[in-house]
Amino acid sequence: MNKEESQLGVSVELEVRYAETDAMGIVHHSRYLPWFEIARTRLCSRCGYHYSEIEQMGYHLMVTKAELTYRRGARYGEVVDVECHLVRQASRGLRFAYRVSRDGKTLATGATEHIWVDAKTGRPCRTPQKLYAGFAALVAGDEKS
């Protein structure tokens, strides 16, 4: 897997696996959210901590909303780019935007919203102080989806 990073976001190259396709030979709609997760995890690393380190600190980012718009299909063996940007940081949550493309053509766009959760209590909490500045530095601004 190769990766290109823009100033504020990331782009992860993924080769479509056979198991990700449906009976029509097109990537099944359920595969896009895991692709978003791969790119989002890579972006979290840019704040200074891998997501596993964030969990070790005692925090989780719980998904509260997922949006996905399909425009074109991808097929087995094709290489797609999954871009992720942080578009909003609030006191208790984050919103990420995604674009899946092949050869510069948009295949799908989407967004996910998350809230910070204290792993010990399972309750929502404020953005951990140690992480706030790192994520704030990644906020790209307006969504382009």
Protein backbone atom coordinates (compact mmCIF):
# COMPACT_ATOMS: atom_id res chain seq x y z
CA MET A 1 0.00 0.00 0.00
CA ASN A 2 1.42 3.35 -1.04
CA LYS A 3 0.46 6.69 0.39
CA GLU A 4 0.68 10.30 -0.65
CA GLU A 5 0.11 13.01 1.91
CA SER A 6 -1.15 16.49 1.21
CA GLN A 7 -0.49 19.26 3.67
CA LEU A 8 -3.62 18.56 5.72
CA GLY A 9 -4.97 15.22 4.52
CA VAL A 10 -3.85 11.81 3.39
CA SER A 11 -4.35 9.68 0.31
CA VAL A 12 -4.01 5.92 0.59
CA GLU A 13 -3.68 3.68 -2.49
CA LEU A 14 -5.60 0.40 -2.28
CA GLU A 15 -5.82 -2.43 -4.78
CA VAL A 16 -9.35 -3.84 -4.97
CA ARG A 17 -9.36 -7.43 -3.74
CA TYR A 18 -11.63 -10.08 -5.26
CA ALA A 19 -13.35 -10.63 -1.90
CA GLU A 20 -14.45 -6.98 -1.94
CA THR A 21 -16.55 -7.39 -5.09
CA ASP A 22 -20.15 -8.50 -5.52
CA ALA A 23 -21.77 -10.87 -8.04
CA MET A 24 -21.62 -8.09 -10.67
CA GLY A 25 -17.84 -7.80 -10.22
CA ILE A 26 -18.11 -4.33 -8.68
CA VAL A 27 -16.86 -3.36 -5.22
CA HIS A 28 -19.66 -4.07 -2.75
CA HIS A 29 -21.08 -0.97 -1.09
CA SER A 30 -20.08 -2.26 2.37
CA ARG A 31 -16.36 -2.08 1.56
CA TYR A 32 -16.17 1.71 1.39
CA LEU A 33 -16.48 2.29 5.14
CA PRO A 34 -13.49 0.02 5.92
CA TRP A 35 -11.54 1.92 3.26
CA PHE A 36 -12.51 5.17 5.00
CA GLU A 37 -11.23 3.69 8.25
CA ILE A 38 -7.84 2.87 6.71
CA ALA A 39 -7.42 6.46 5.52
CA ARG A 40 -8.78 7.93 8.78
CA THR A 41 -6.33 5.85 10.84
CA ARG A 42 -3.48 7.11 8.64
CA LEU A 43 -4.69 10.68 9.13
CA CYS A 44 -4.88 10.21 12.92
CA SER A 45 -1.19 9.29 12.82
CA ARG A 46 -0.49 12.77 11.45
CA CYS A 47 -1.70 14.29 14.73
CA GLY A 48 1.30 12.61 16.33
CA TYR A 49 -0.25 9.37 17.59
CA HIS A 50 -1.31 6.16 15.88
CA TYR A 51 -4.92 5.32 16.72
CA SER A 52 -3.75 2.34 18.78
CA GLU A 53 -1.74 4.77 20.93
CA ILE A 54 -4.85 6.91 21.38
CA GLU A 55 -6.68 3.82 22.63
CA GLN A 56 -3.79 3.06 24.99
CA MET A 57 -4.25 6.57 26.42
CA GLY A 58 -7.80 5.50 27.31
CA TYR A 59 -9.86 7.07 24.52
CA HIS A 60 -11.96 5.93 21.57
CA LEU A 61 -13.46 7.79 18.64
CA MET A 62 -17.01 6.44 18.37
CA VAL A 63 -18.72 6.75 15.00
CA THR A 64 -21.99 8.65 15.39
CA LYS A 65 -22.81 9.23 11.72
CA ALA A 66 -21.67 7.89 8.34
CA GLU A 67 -22.54 9.31 4.93
CA LEU A 68 -21.69 7.78 1.57
CA THR A 69 -22.53 8.73 -2.01
CA TYR A 70 -21.68 6.34 -4.84
CA ARG A 71 -20.92 7.71 -8.29
CA ARG A 72 -18.99 5.01 -10.19
CA GLY A 73 -17.97 1.45 -9.49
CA ALA A 74 -14.52 -0.04 -8.99
CA ARG A 75 -13.58 -3.58 -10.03
CA TYR A 76 -11.23 -6.32 -8.89
CA GLY A 77 -7.57 -5.50 -9.51
CA GLU A 78 -8.08 -1.79 -9.99
CA VAL A 79 -6.17 0.64 -7.77
CA VAL A 80 -8.18 3.30 -5.98
CA ASP A 81 -7.09 6.32 -3.96
CA VAL A 82 -8.88 6.95 -0.68
CA GLU A 83 -8.45 10.53 0.52
CA CYS A 84 -9.29 11.68 4.03
CA HIS A 85 -9.40 15.17 5.51
CA LEU A 86 -10.45 16.42 8.91
CA VAL A 87 -13.05 19.08 8.19
CA ARG A 88 -14.27 19.95 11.68
CA GLN A 89 -13.07 19.64 15.24
CA ALA A 90 -15.50 20.44 18.04
CA SER A 91 -15.01 20.23 21.79
CA ARG A 92 -16.20 16.61 21.85
CA GLY A 93 -16.01 15.39 18.29
CA LEU A 94 -14.56 15.31 14.81
CA ARG A 95 -15.89 15.18 11.25
CA PHE A 96 -13.84 13.56 8.49
CA ALA A 97 -14.50 13.82 4.73
CA TYR A 98 -13.50 11.19 2.18
CA ARG A 99 -13.11 10.82 -1.56
CA VAL A 100 -12.49 7.53 -3.36
CA SER A 101 -11.13 7.96 -6.88
CA ARG A 102 -9.51 6.05 -9.72
CA ASP A 103 -7.39 7.84 -12.30
CA GLY A 104 -8.64 11.18 -10.99
CA LYS A 105 -12.34 10.27 -11.39
CA THR A 106 -14.48 10.32 -8.26
CA LEU A 107 -16.04 6.96 -7.44
CA ALA A 108 -17.53 7.84 -4.06
CA THR A 109 -17.55 10.58 -1.47
CA GLY A 110 -18.49 10.45 2.16
CA ALA A 111 -18.08 11.68 5.69
CA THR A 112 -18.05 10.27 9.20
CA GLU A 113 -18.71 12.00 12.50
CA HIS A 114 -17.17 10.81 15.76
CA ILE A 115 -17.29 11.67 19.43
CA TRP A 116 -14.55 11.15 21.96
CA VAL A 117 -15.33 8.45 24.51
CA ASP A 118 -13.52 7.69 27.77
CA ALA A 119 -12.66 3.99 27.45
CA LYS A 120 -12.99 3.35 31.19
CA THR A 121 -16.47 4.81 31.59
CA GLY A 122 -17.82 4.43 28.04
CA ARG A 123 -19.10 8.00 28.29
CA PRO A 124 -18.53 10.89 25.90
CA CYS A 125 -15.77 13.29 26.92
CA ARG A 126 -14.00 16.38 25.66
CA THR A 127 -11.19 16.10 23.15
CA PRO A 128 -8.18 14.92 25.16
CA GLN A 129 -5.98 17.94 25.85
CA LYS A 130 -2.89 16.04 24.72
CA LEU A 131 -4.50 15.46 21.29
CA TYR A 132 -6.36 18.71 20.70
CA ALA A 133 -3.57 20.72 19.05
CA GLY A 134 -2.50 17.84 16.80
CA PHE A 135 -6.00 17.38 15.42
CA ALA A 136 -6.59 21.15 15.21
CA ALA A 137 -3.55 21.41 12.93
CA LEU A 138 -5.21 18.95 10.52
CA VAL A 139 -8.53 20.73 10.07
CA ALA A 140 -8.90 21.34 6.34
CA GLY A 141 -11.90 23.64 6.52
CA ASP A 142 -14.80 23.35 4.13
CA GLU A 143 -15.86 19.92 2.93
CA LYS A 144 -15.34 19.18 -0.75
CA SER A 145 -17.62 16.19 -1.14
